[in-house]
Amino acid sequence: MNHDYQDLVRIFSECFEAEYNTVLVAGADEPEYLPADAEHPRHRIIFAHGFFRSALHEVAHWCVAGPQRRLLADFGYWYAPDGRSAEQQQAFEQVEVKPQAYEWLFCQAAGHKFRVSLDNLNGEPTDSSLFKQRVLEQTLHFLNAGLPERPARFVQALLAFYRPGVRLQAADFSLEQL
C-alpha cells in the first residue's frame, strides 16, 4: 500500500480546513504547531521531513488539544528534547498516552505500521513496558467508549481512503504489535 504524506495533507484538509481553519504542512525539521497570525491566516500543523508517521502523530496532538490550546504555539505544552532524564521521560510518557493512542488508531485505519515512540534515543534508558500497556489501554478505551468527534472523523476518512469497508475492532490491537 502506498502511504504518501500528500494524501494525508489532502484528507486532513477535506476533514478540517474549513471548520477549524487548520492545515497540515510538511516541514523540513522538527514538528511544530503554529496558530494563525497576521502573516499566516490558517493554523498550521507542521510535521517533520514529510514523514507519514510524523504527520499522523502531529494530527493526534491536535486532536488532544482543546480550543484554547489550539491558539498557542505547540499547544502551550512542555517539551524536553531527546536526551531526557528518567524523570523527564516519565513526564513525557504521561502526556503522550492519548496522542499515541490516537496515532495508533490513525495508523491502523491507514494500514500503516505503528510503534510507540519513546522519543529519547540519547536519554537515560527506561522500561517502556508500562507506557506500552497504558497506550494499549487508552486505545481500547477509545474503541469501546467511542472516539471524540475530530479523531473519529479522521479515522473514518482514513478508513474510507486506505481500507474501504474495514471497521476497527479491539482485536486489531495488542501489546505484541508495539
N, C-alpha and C. Protein backbone atom coordinates (compact mmCIF):
# COMPACT_ATOMS: atom_id res chain seq x y z
N MET A 1 0.85 -1.18 0.00
CA MET A 1 0.00 0.00 0.00
C MET A 1 0.90 1.25 0.00
N ASN A 2 0.56 2.19 -0.83
CA ASN A 2 1.31 3.43 -0.92
C ASN A 2 0.86 4.41 0.17
N HIS A 3 1.80 4.87 0.96
CA HIS A 3 1.50 5.83 2.03
C HIS A 3 2.23 7.14 1.75
N ASP A 4 1.59 7.97 0.97
CA ASP A 4 2.16 9.26 0.58
C ASP A 4 1.61 10.34 1.49
N TYR A 5 2.51 11.10 2.11
CA TYR A 5 2.07 12.14 3.04
C TYR A 5 1.13 13.15 2.37
N GLN A 6 1.25 13.33 1.07
CA GLN A 6 0.39 14.30 0.37
C GLN A 6 -1.09 13.87 0.44
N ASP A 7 -1.32 12.57 0.51
CA ASP A 7 -2.69 12.09 0.69
C ASP A 7 -3.21 12.52 2.06
N LEU A 8 -2.36 12.42 3.08
CA LEU A 8 -2.77 12.85 4.43
C LEU A 8 -3.08 14.34 4.47
N VAL A 9 -2.27 15.13 3.78
CA VAL A 9 -2.49 16.57 3.73
C VAL A 9 -3.87 16.86 3.14
N ARG A 10 -4.19 16.16 2.05
CA ARG A 10 -5.48 16.36 1.40
C ARG A 10 -6.64 15.86 2.26
N ILE A 11 -6.49 14.67 2.85
CA ILE A 11 -7.54 14.10 3.69
C ILE A 11 -7.80 15.02 4.89
N PHE A 12 -6.73 15.48 5.53
CA PHE A 12 -6.89 16.39 6.66
C PHE A 12 -7.61 17.66 6.24
N SER A 13 -7.21 18.21 5.12
CA SER A 13 -7.83 19.44 4.62
C SER A 13 -9.32 19.24 4.38
N GLU A 14 -9.68 18.14 3.76
CA GLU A 14 -11.09 17.86 3.49
C GLU A 14 -11.89 17.71 4.79
N CYS A 15 -11.25 17.16 5.81
CA CYS A 15 -11.94 16.94 7.08
C CYS A 15 -12.05 18.22 7.93
N PHE A 16 -11.00 19.06 7.92
CA PHE A 16 -10.91 20.07 8.97
C PHE A 16 -10.61 21.50 8.53
N GLU A 17 -10.10 21.72 7.33
CA GLU A 17 -9.64 23.06 7.00
C GLU A 17 -10.74 24.10 7.10
N ALA A 18 -11.88 23.84 6.51
CA ALA A 18 -12.96 24.84 6.51
C ALA A 18 -13.49 25.10 7.92
N GLU A 19 -13.75 24.06 8.68
CA GLU A 19 -14.36 24.22 10.00
C GLU A 19 -13.38 24.72 11.06
N TYR A 20 -12.12 24.26 10.98
CA TYR A 20 -11.15 24.58 12.04
C TYR A 20 -10.04 25.52 11.57
N ASN A 21 -10.10 25.96 10.31
CA ASN A 21 -9.11 26.89 9.77
C ASN A 21 -7.69 26.38 10.01
N THR A 22 -7.50 25.07 9.80
CA THR A 22 -6.23 24.42 10.11
C THR A 22 -5.79 23.57 8.93
N VAL A 23 -4.48 23.63 8.64
CA VAL A 23 -3.91 22.82 7.56
C VAL A 23 -2.75 21.98 8.10
N LEU A 24 -2.49 20.90 7.41
CA LEU A 24 -1.38 20.00 7.70
C LEU A 24 -0.28 20.31 6.68
N VAL A 25 0.95 20.56 7.17
CA VAL A 25 2.02 21.04 6.30
C VAL A 25 3.28 20.20 6.51
N ALA A 26 3.89 19.74 5.41
CA ALA A 26 5.17 19.05 5.50
C ALA A 26 6.26 20.07 5.80
N GLY A 27 7.02 19.84 6.85
CA GLY A 27 8.10 20.75 7.23
C GLY A 27 9.46 20.14 6.97
N ALA A 28 10.48 20.91 7.22
CA ALA A 28 11.85 20.46 6.97
C ALA A 28 12.47 19.82 8.21
N ASP A 29 12.21 20.41 9.36
CA ASP A 29 12.91 19.95 10.56
C ASP A 29 11.93 19.39 11.59
N GLU A 30 11.97 19.95 12.77
CA GLU A 30 11.14 19.47 13.87
C GLU A 30 9.67 19.78 13.65
N PRO A 31 8.79 18.90 14.12
CA PRO A 31 7.37 19.19 14.03
C PRO A 31 7.01 20.36 14.94
N GLU A 32 5.91 21.04 14.58
CA GLU A 32 5.53 22.22 15.33
C GLU A 32 4.08 22.57 14.99
N TYR A 33 3.39 23.13 15.96
CA TYR A 33 2.06 23.67 15.71
C TYR A 33 2.13 25.17 15.86
N LEU A 34 1.63 25.88 14.85
CA LEU A 34 1.64 27.34 14.88
C LEU A 34 0.23 27.86 14.62
N PRO A 35 -0.30 28.64 15.56
CA PRO A 35 -1.64 29.20 15.34
C PRO A 35 -1.59 30.28 14.25
N ALA A 36 -2.73 30.58 13.70
CA ALA A 36 -2.84 31.62 12.68
C ALA A 36 -2.32 32.94 13.23
N ASP A 37 -1.77 33.74 12.34
CA ASP A 37 -1.30 35.08 12.72
C ASP A 37 -1.47 36.00 11.52
N ALA A 38 -0.97 37.21 11.61
CA ALA A 38 -1.15 38.19 10.55
C ALA A 38 -0.54 37.72 9.22
N GLU A 39 0.55 36.98 9.29
CA GLU A 39 1.22 36.51 8.08
C GLU A 39 0.62 35.22 7.53
N HIS A 40 0.09 34.37 8.40
CA HIS A 40 -0.46 33.06 8.03
C HIS A 40 -1.90 32.98 8.54
N PRO A 41 -2.87 33.06 7.65
CA PRO A 41 -4.26 33.12 8.08
C PRO A 41 -4.83 31.79 8.61
N ARG A 42 -4.09 30.70 8.44
CA ARG A 42 -4.56 29.39 8.92
C ARG A 42 -3.62 28.86 10.00
N HIS A 43 -4.19 28.10 10.92
CA HIS A 43 -3.37 27.37 11.89
C HIS A 43 -2.62 26.29 11.10
N ARG A 44 -1.38 26.01 11.53
CA ARG A 44 -0.56 25.04 10.79
C ARG A 44 -0.04 23.94 11.70
N ILE A 45 -0.32 22.71 11.30
CA ILE A 45 0.27 21.53 11.94
C ILE A 45 1.43 21.15 11.03
N ILE A 46 2.63 21.40 11.48
CA ILE A 46 3.82 21.15 10.65
C ILE A 46 4.45 19.84 11.12
N PHE A 47 4.58 18.90 10.20
CA PHE A 47 5.18 17.61 10.56
C PHE A 47 6.57 17.49 9.93
N ALA A 48 7.38 16.61 10.49
CA ALA A 48 8.81 16.54 10.15
C ALA A 48 9.09 15.82 8.84
N HIS A 49 9.86 16.47 8.00
CA HIS A 49 10.51 15.86 6.83
C HIS A 49 9.57 15.13 5.87
N GLY A 50 8.31 15.44 5.88
CA GLY A 50 7.39 14.73 5.01
C GLY A 50 7.15 13.29 5.41
N PHE A 51 7.44 12.96 6.68
CA PHE A 51 7.26 11.59 7.16
C PHE A 51 5.78 11.33 7.45
N PHE A 52 5.27 10.24 6.91
CA PHE A 52 3.87 9.86 7.07
C PHE A 52 3.50 9.74 8.55
N ARG A 53 4.30 8.99 9.30
CA ARG A 53 4.00 8.80 10.73
C ARG A 53 4.09 10.10 11.52
N SER A 54 5.01 10.98 11.16
CA SER A 54 5.10 12.27 11.84
C SER A 54 3.81 13.05 11.63
N ALA A 55 3.27 12.99 10.43
CA ALA A 55 2.00 13.69 10.16
C ALA A 55 0.90 13.14 11.04
N LEU A 56 0.79 11.82 11.13
CA LEU A 56 -0.26 11.21 11.96
C LEU A 56 -0.07 11.57 13.43
N HIS A 57 1.17 11.58 13.88
CA HIS A 57 1.45 11.91 15.28
C HIS A 57 1.07 13.35 15.59
N GLU A 58 1.40 14.26 14.71
CA GLU A 58 1.08 15.67 14.96
C GLU A 58 -0.42 15.92 14.88
N VAL A 59 -1.13 15.22 14.01
CA VAL A 59 -2.59 15.33 13.98
C VAL A 59 -3.15 14.81 15.30
N ALA A 60 -2.55 13.75 15.84
CA ALA A 60 -3.00 13.21 17.12
C ALA A 60 -2.88 14.26 18.22
N HIS A 61 -1.77 14.98 18.26
CA HIS A 61 -1.62 16.05 19.26
C HIS A 61 -2.68 17.13 19.06
N TRP A 62 -2.97 17.46 17.82
CA TRP A 62 -4.00 18.46 17.53
C TRP A 62 -5.37 17.97 18.03
N CYS A 63 -5.62 16.67 17.89
CA CYS A 63 -6.89 16.10 18.35
C CYS A 63 -7.02 16.13 19.87
N VAL A 64 -5.92 16.08 20.59
CA VAL A 64 -5.94 16.14 22.04
C VAL A 64 -6.18 17.58 22.51
N ALA A 65 -5.61 18.53 21.78
CA ALA A 65 -5.66 19.94 22.20
C ALA A 65 -7.07 20.51 22.09
N GLY A 66 -7.50 21.18 23.15
CA GLY A 66 -8.79 21.85 23.16
C GLY A 66 -8.72 23.20 22.46
N PRO A 67 -9.85 23.90 22.37
CA PRO A 67 -9.90 25.17 21.63
C PRO A 67 -8.89 26.22 22.11
N GLN A 68 -8.70 26.35 23.41
CA GLN A 68 -7.76 27.36 23.92
C GLN A 68 -6.32 26.99 23.60
N ARG A 69 -5.99 25.72 23.75
CA ARG A 69 -4.63 25.26 23.44
C ARG A 69 -4.32 25.42 21.95
N ARG A 70 -5.32 25.31 21.11
CA ARG A 70 -5.09 25.45 19.67
C ARG A 70 -4.80 26.89 19.27
N LEU A 71 -4.84 27.81 20.22
CA LEU A 71 -4.47 29.21 19.96
C LEU A 71 -3.02 29.49 20.39
N LEU A 72 -2.33 28.47 20.92
CA LEU A 72 -0.96 28.62 21.43
C LEU A 72 0.04 27.84 20.57
N ALA A 73 1.21 28.41 20.38
CA ALA A 73 2.27 27.68 19.67
C ALA A 73 2.55 26.37 20.40
N ASP A 74 2.66 25.30 19.63
CA ASP A 74 2.85 23.94 20.17
C ASP A 74 1.85 23.62 21.28
N PHE A 75 0.68 24.22 21.17
CA PHE A 75 -0.43 23.99 22.10
C PHE A 75 -0.09 24.38 23.54
N GLY A 76 1.03 25.08 23.72
CA GLY A 76 1.45 25.51 25.05
C GLY A 76 1.98 24.39 25.92
N TYR A 77 2.30 23.24 25.31
CA TYR A 77 2.77 22.09 26.08
C TYR A 77 4.25 22.17 26.36
N TRP A 78 4.65 21.57 27.47
CA TRP A 78 6.04 21.38 27.82
C TRP A 78 6.63 20.32 26.90
N TYR A 79 7.86 20.53 26.49
CA TYR A 79 8.56 19.51 25.73
C TYR A 79 10.04 19.61 26.03
N ALA A 80 10.64 18.50 26.39
CA ALA A 80 12.09 18.42 26.55
C ALA A 80 12.60 17.53 25.42
N PRO A 81 13.62 17.97 24.71
CA PRO A 81 14.11 17.20 23.55
C PRO A 81 14.79 15.90 23.96
N ASP A 82 15.13 15.10 22.96
CA ASP A 82 15.87 13.85 23.15
C ASP A 82 17.05 14.10 24.09
N GLY A 83 17.30 13.12 24.96
CA GLY A 83 18.35 13.27 25.96
C GLY A 83 17.77 13.49 27.34
N ARG A 84 16.48 13.14 27.51
CA ARG A 84 15.79 13.37 28.78
C ARG A 84 16.29 12.42 29.87
N SER A 85 16.21 12.91 31.11
CA SER A 85 16.48 12.06 32.28
C SER A 85 15.31 11.09 32.45
N ALA A 86 15.46 10.12 33.31
CA ALA A 86 14.39 9.16 33.57
C ALA A 86 13.14 9.89 34.08
N GLU A 87 13.33 10.89 34.94
CA GLU A 87 12.20 11.66 35.47
C GLU A 87 11.50 12.45 34.36
N GLN A 88 12.28 13.09 33.50
CA GLN A 88 11.70 13.82 32.37
C GLN A 88 10.98 12.87 31.42
N GLN A 89 11.56 11.69 31.22
CA GLN A 89 10.94 10.70 30.33
C GLN A 89 9.60 10.25 30.88
N GLN A 90 9.52 10.08 32.18
CA GLN A 90 8.26 9.69 32.80
C GLN A 90 7.20 10.77 32.57
N ALA A 91 7.56 12.03 32.71
CA ALA A 91 6.63 13.14 32.45
C ALA A 91 6.22 13.15 30.98
N PHE A 92 7.17 12.92 30.09
CA PHE A 92 6.90 12.85 28.66
C PHE A 92 5.87 11.75 28.36
N GLU A 93 6.11 10.57 28.91
CA GLU A 93 5.23 9.43 28.66
C GLU A 93 3.82 9.70 29.17
N GLN A 94 3.68 10.39 30.28
CA GLN A 94 2.35 10.69 30.82
C GLN A 94 1.52 11.51 29.84
N VAL A 95 2.13 12.50 29.20
CA VAL A 95 1.37 13.34 28.28
C VAL A 95 1.27 12.74 26.89
N GLU A 96 2.00 11.66 26.62
CA GLU A 96 1.99 11.04 25.30
C GLU A 96 1.01 9.89 25.16
N VAL A 97 0.38 9.45 26.23
CA VAL A 97 -0.50 8.28 26.14
C VAL A 97 -1.65 8.53 25.16
N LYS A 98 -2.40 9.61 25.34
CA LYS A 98 -3.54 9.87 24.45
C LYS A 98 -3.10 10.14 23.02
N PRO A 99 -2.11 11.01 22.78
CA PRO A 99 -1.71 11.21 21.39
C PRO A 99 -1.24 9.92 20.70
N GLN A 100 -0.52 9.09 21.43
CA GLN A 100 -0.04 7.87 20.79
C GLN A 100 -1.17 6.86 20.60
N ALA A 101 -2.17 6.88 21.45
CA ALA A 101 -3.34 6.03 21.22
C ALA A 101 -4.07 6.48 19.95
N TYR A 102 -4.26 7.80 19.80
CA TYR A 102 -4.87 8.30 18.56
C TYR A 102 -4.02 7.94 17.35
N GLU A 103 -2.71 8.13 17.48
CA GLU A 103 -1.83 7.81 16.35
C GLU A 103 -1.95 6.35 15.96
N TRP A 104 -2.05 5.46 16.94
CA TRP A 104 -2.18 4.04 16.65
C TRP A 104 -3.49 3.78 15.89
N LEU A 105 -4.55 4.41 16.33
CA LEU A 105 -5.82 4.28 15.61
C LEU A 105 -5.71 4.81 14.18
N PHE A 106 -5.04 5.95 14.01
CA PHE A 106 -4.85 6.51 12.67
C PHE A 106 -4.01 5.57 11.80
N CYS A 107 -2.94 5.03 12.37
CA CYS A 107 -2.09 4.09 11.63
C CYS A 107 -2.89 2.87 11.20
N GLN A 108 -3.64 2.33 12.13
CA GLN A 108 -4.44 1.14 11.83
C GLN A 108 -5.46 1.45 10.73
N ALA A 109 -6.09 2.61 10.81
CA ALA A 109 -7.07 3.00 9.80
C ALA A 109 -6.43 3.16 8.43
N ALA A 110 -5.17 3.60 8.40
CA ALA A 110 -4.46 3.80 7.14
C ALA A 110 -3.70 2.55 6.69
N GLY A 111 -3.74 1.48 7.49
CA GLY A 111 -2.99 0.28 7.14
C GLY A 111 -1.49 0.49 7.21
N HIS A 112 -1.05 1.29 8.17
CA HIS A 112 0.37 1.63 8.32
C HIS A 112 0.87 1.11 9.67
N LYS A 113 2.08 0.59 9.71
CA LYS A 113 2.63 0.03 10.95
C LYS A 113 2.79 1.11 12.01
N PHE A 114 2.47 0.75 13.25
CA PHE A 114 2.63 1.64 14.39
C PHE A 114 3.58 1.02 15.40
N ARG A 115 4.41 1.86 16.00
CA ARG A 115 5.23 1.50 17.15
C ARG A 115 5.19 2.68 18.09
N VAL A 116 5.09 2.42 19.39
CA VAL A 116 5.14 3.54 20.32
C VAL A 116 6.47 4.25 20.15
N SER A 117 6.45 5.53 20.40
CA SER A 117 7.67 6.33 20.29
C SER A 117 8.04 6.85 21.66
N LEU A 118 9.22 6.46 22.12
CA LEU A 118 9.73 6.98 23.39
C LEU A 118 10.47 8.29 23.15
N ASP A 119 10.88 8.53 21.92
CA ASP A 119 11.48 9.81 21.51
C ASP A 119 12.60 10.24 22.44
N ASN A 120 13.46 9.27 22.83
CA ASN A 120 14.53 9.60 23.77
C ASN A 120 15.74 8.69 23.54
N LEU A 121 16.23 8.67 22.31
CA LEU A 121 17.33 7.77 21.96
C LEU A 121 18.60 8.05 22.74
N ASN A 122 18.84 9.30 23.09
CA ASN A 122 20.08 9.67 23.77
C ASN A 122 19.89 9.93 25.26
N GLY A 123 18.74 9.56 25.80
CA GLY A 123 18.46 9.79 27.21
C GLY A 123 18.73 8.57 28.06
N GLU A 124 18.41 8.71 29.33
CA GLU A 124 18.56 7.58 30.25
C GLU A 124 17.64 6.44 29.82
N PRO A 125 18.14 5.22 29.79
CA PRO A 125 17.28 4.08 29.45
C PRO A 125 16.18 3.90 30.49
N THR A 126 14.98 3.60 30.04
CA THR A 126 13.85 3.35 30.92
C THR A 126 13.10 2.12 30.43
N ASP A 127 12.28 1.56 31.28
CA ASP A 127 11.44 0.41 30.92
C ASP A 127 10.19 0.94 30.24
N SER A 128 9.98 0.57 29.01
CA SER A 128 8.84 1.08 28.24
C SER A 128 7.59 0.23 28.38
N SER A 129 7.64 -0.86 29.12
CA SER A 129 6.50 -1.78 29.16
C SER A 129 5.24 -1.14 29.76
N LEU A 130 5.37 -0.33 30.81
CA LEU A 130 4.21 0.32 31.40
C LEU A 130 3.60 1.33 30.42
N PHE A 131 4.46 2.08 29.73
CA PHE A 131 3.98 3.05 28.75
C PHE A 131 3.21 2.33 27.63
N LYS A 132 3.77 1.26 27.13
CA LYS A 132 3.09 0.48 26.07
C LYS A 132 1.73 -0.01 26.56
N GLN A 133 1.69 -0.52 27.79
CA GLN A 133 0.43 -1.01 28.36
C GLN A 133 -0.59 0.12 28.45
N ARG A 134 -0.16 1.30 28.87
CA ARG A 134 -1.08 2.45 29.01
C ARG A 134 -1.59 2.91 27.64
N VAL A 135 -0.72 2.88 26.63
CA VAL A 135 -1.16 3.25 25.27
C VAL A 135 -2.19 2.24 24.77
N LEU A 136 -1.94 0.96 24.98
CA LEU A 136 -2.91 -0.06 24.59
C LEU A 136 -4.24 0.15 25.31
N GLU A 137 -4.20 0.34 26.62
CA GLU A 137 -5.44 0.53 27.39
C GLU A 137 -6.20 1.76 26.92
N GLN A 138 -5.50 2.85 26.63
CA GLN A 138 -6.17 4.07 26.16
C GLN A 138 -6.79 3.85 24.78
N THR A 139 -6.08 3.13 23.92
CA THR A 139 -6.60 2.83 22.58
C THR A 139 -7.87 2.00 22.68
N LEU A 140 -7.85 0.98 23.51
CA LEU A 140 -9.03 0.12 23.69
C LEU A 140 -10.18 0.90 24.32
N HIS A 141 -9.85 1.81 25.25
CA HIS A 141 -10.88 2.66 25.84
C HIS A 141 -11.56 3.51 24.75
N PHE A 142 -10.76 4.12 23.89
CA PHE A 142 -11.32 4.93 22.80
C PHE A 142 -12.23 4.08 21.90
N LEU A 143 -11.81 2.86 21.62
CA LEU A 143 -12.63 1.98 20.77
C LEU A 143 -13.94 1.61 21.46
N ASN A 144 -13.87 1.30 22.75
CA ASN A 144 -15.06 0.85 23.47
C ASN A 144 -16.00 1.99 23.84
N ALA A 145 -15.44 3.13 24.26
CA ALA A 145 -16.27 4.26 24.70
C ALA A 145 -16.68 5.17 23.55
N GLY A 146 -15.95 5.09 22.46
CA GLY A 146 -16.20 5.96 21.32
C GLY A 146 -15.21 7.10 21.29
N LEU A 147 -14.76 7.42 20.11
CA LEU A 147 -13.79 8.50 19.92
C LEU A 147 -14.48 9.85 19.95
N PRO A 148 -13.79 10.87 20.43
CA PRO A 148 -14.30 12.23 20.27
C PRO A 148 -14.46 12.57 18.78
N GLU A 149 -15.15 13.64 18.50
CA GLU A 149 -15.54 13.97 17.13
C GLU A 149 -14.38 14.10 16.15
N ARG A 150 -13.36 14.89 16.46
CA ARG A 150 -12.27 15.11 15.49
C ARG A 150 -11.49 13.83 15.18
N PRO A 151 -11.00 13.09 16.18
CA PRO A 151 -10.30 11.86 15.82
C PRO A 151 -11.21 10.83 15.14
N ALA A 152 -12.47 10.78 15.53
CA ALA A 152 -13.40 9.86 14.87
C ALA A 152 -13.56 10.22 13.40
N ARG A 153 -13.68 11.50 13.11
CA ARG A 153 -13.82 11.95 11.72
C ARG A 153 -12.58 11.59 10.90
N PHE A 154 -11.40 11.78 11.50
CA PHE A 154 -10.16 11.48 10.79
C PHE A 154 -10.01 9.97 10.57
N VAL A 155 -10.31 9.17 11.58
CA VAL A 155 -10.25 7.71 11.43
C VAL A 155 -11.17 7.27 10.28
N GLN A 156 -12.38 7.79 10.25
CA GLN A 156 -13.31 7.40 9.18
C GLN A 156 -12.81 7.80 7.81
N ALA A 157 -12.22 8.99 7.71
CA ALA A 157 -11.68 9.45 6.42
C ALA A 157 -10.49 8.58 5.99
N LEU A 158 -9.64 8.21 6.94
CA LEU A 158 -8.51 7.34 6.62
C LEU A 158 -8.99 5.96 6.19
N LEU A 159 -9.95 5.41 6.91
CA LEU A 159 -10.51 4.11 6.52
C LEU A 159 -11.11 4.18 5.13
N ALA A 160 -11.86 5.21 4.84
CA ALA A 160 -12.51 5.34 3.53
C ALA A 160 -11.47 5.40 2.41
N PHE A 161 -10.36 6.06 2.67
CA PHE A 161 -9.33 6.20 1.64
C PHE A 161 -8.45 4.96 1.52
N TYR A 162 -7.98 4.43 2.64
CA TYR A 162 -7.00 3.35 2.63
C TYR A 162 -7.59 1.96 2.76
N ARG A 163 -8.70 1.82 3.48
CA ARG A 163 -9.22 0.49 3.78
C ARG A 163 -10.75 0.47 3.74
N PRO A 164 -11.33 0.80 2.59
CA PRO A 164 -12.79 0.86 2.50
C PRO A 164 -13.44 -0.44 2.99
N GLY A 165 -14.51 -0.27 3.76
CA GLY A 165 -15.27 -1.42 4.25
C GLY A 165 -14.74 -2.00 5.55
N VAL A 166 -13.57 -1.56 6.00
CA VAL A 166 -12.98 -2.07 7.25
C VAL A 166 -13.51 -1.26 8.43
N ARG A 167 -13.72 -1.94 9.52
CA ARG A 167 -14.11 -1.30 10.78
C ARG A 167 -13.09 -1.69 11.84
N LEU A 168 -12.55 -0.73 12.55
CA LEU A 168 -11.56 -1.04 13.57
C LEU A 168 -12.23 -1.73 14.76
N GLN A 169 -11.54 -2.75 15.28
CA GLN A 169 -12.06 -3.51 16.41
C GLN A 169 -10.95 -3.72 17.44
N ALA A 170 -11.32 -3.99 18.66
CA ALA A 170 -10.34 -4.20 19.72
C ALA A 170 -9.36 -5.32 19.36
N ALA A 171 -9.80 -6.34 18.65
CA ALA A 171 -8.95 -7.45 18.29
C ALA A 171 -7.81 -7.02 17.35
N ASP A 172 -7.92 -5.83 16.77
CA ASP A 172 -6.87 -5.32 15.87
C ASP A 172 -5.67 -4.76 16.64
N PHE A 173 -5.76 -4.68 17.97
CA PHE A 173 -4.73 -4.03 18.78
C PHE A 173 -4.25 -4.96 19.89
N SER A 174 -2.92 -5.10 20.02
CA SER A 174 -2.36 -5.93 21.08
C SER A 174 -0.96 -5.43 21.44
N LEU A 175 -0.50 -5.80 22.63
CA LEU A 175 0.85 -5.42 23.07
C LEU A 175 1.92 -5.96 22.13
N GLU A 176 1.70 -7.10 21.55
CA GLU A 176 2.68 -7.71 20.66
C GLU A 176 2.97 -6.83 19.44
N GLN A 177 2.02 -5.97 19.07
CA GLN A 177 2.22 -5.09 17.93
C GLN A 177 3.12 -3.92 18.26
N LEU A 178 3.31 -3.65 19.53
CA LEU A 178 4.07 -2.48 19.93
C LEU A 178 5.53 -2.80 20.05
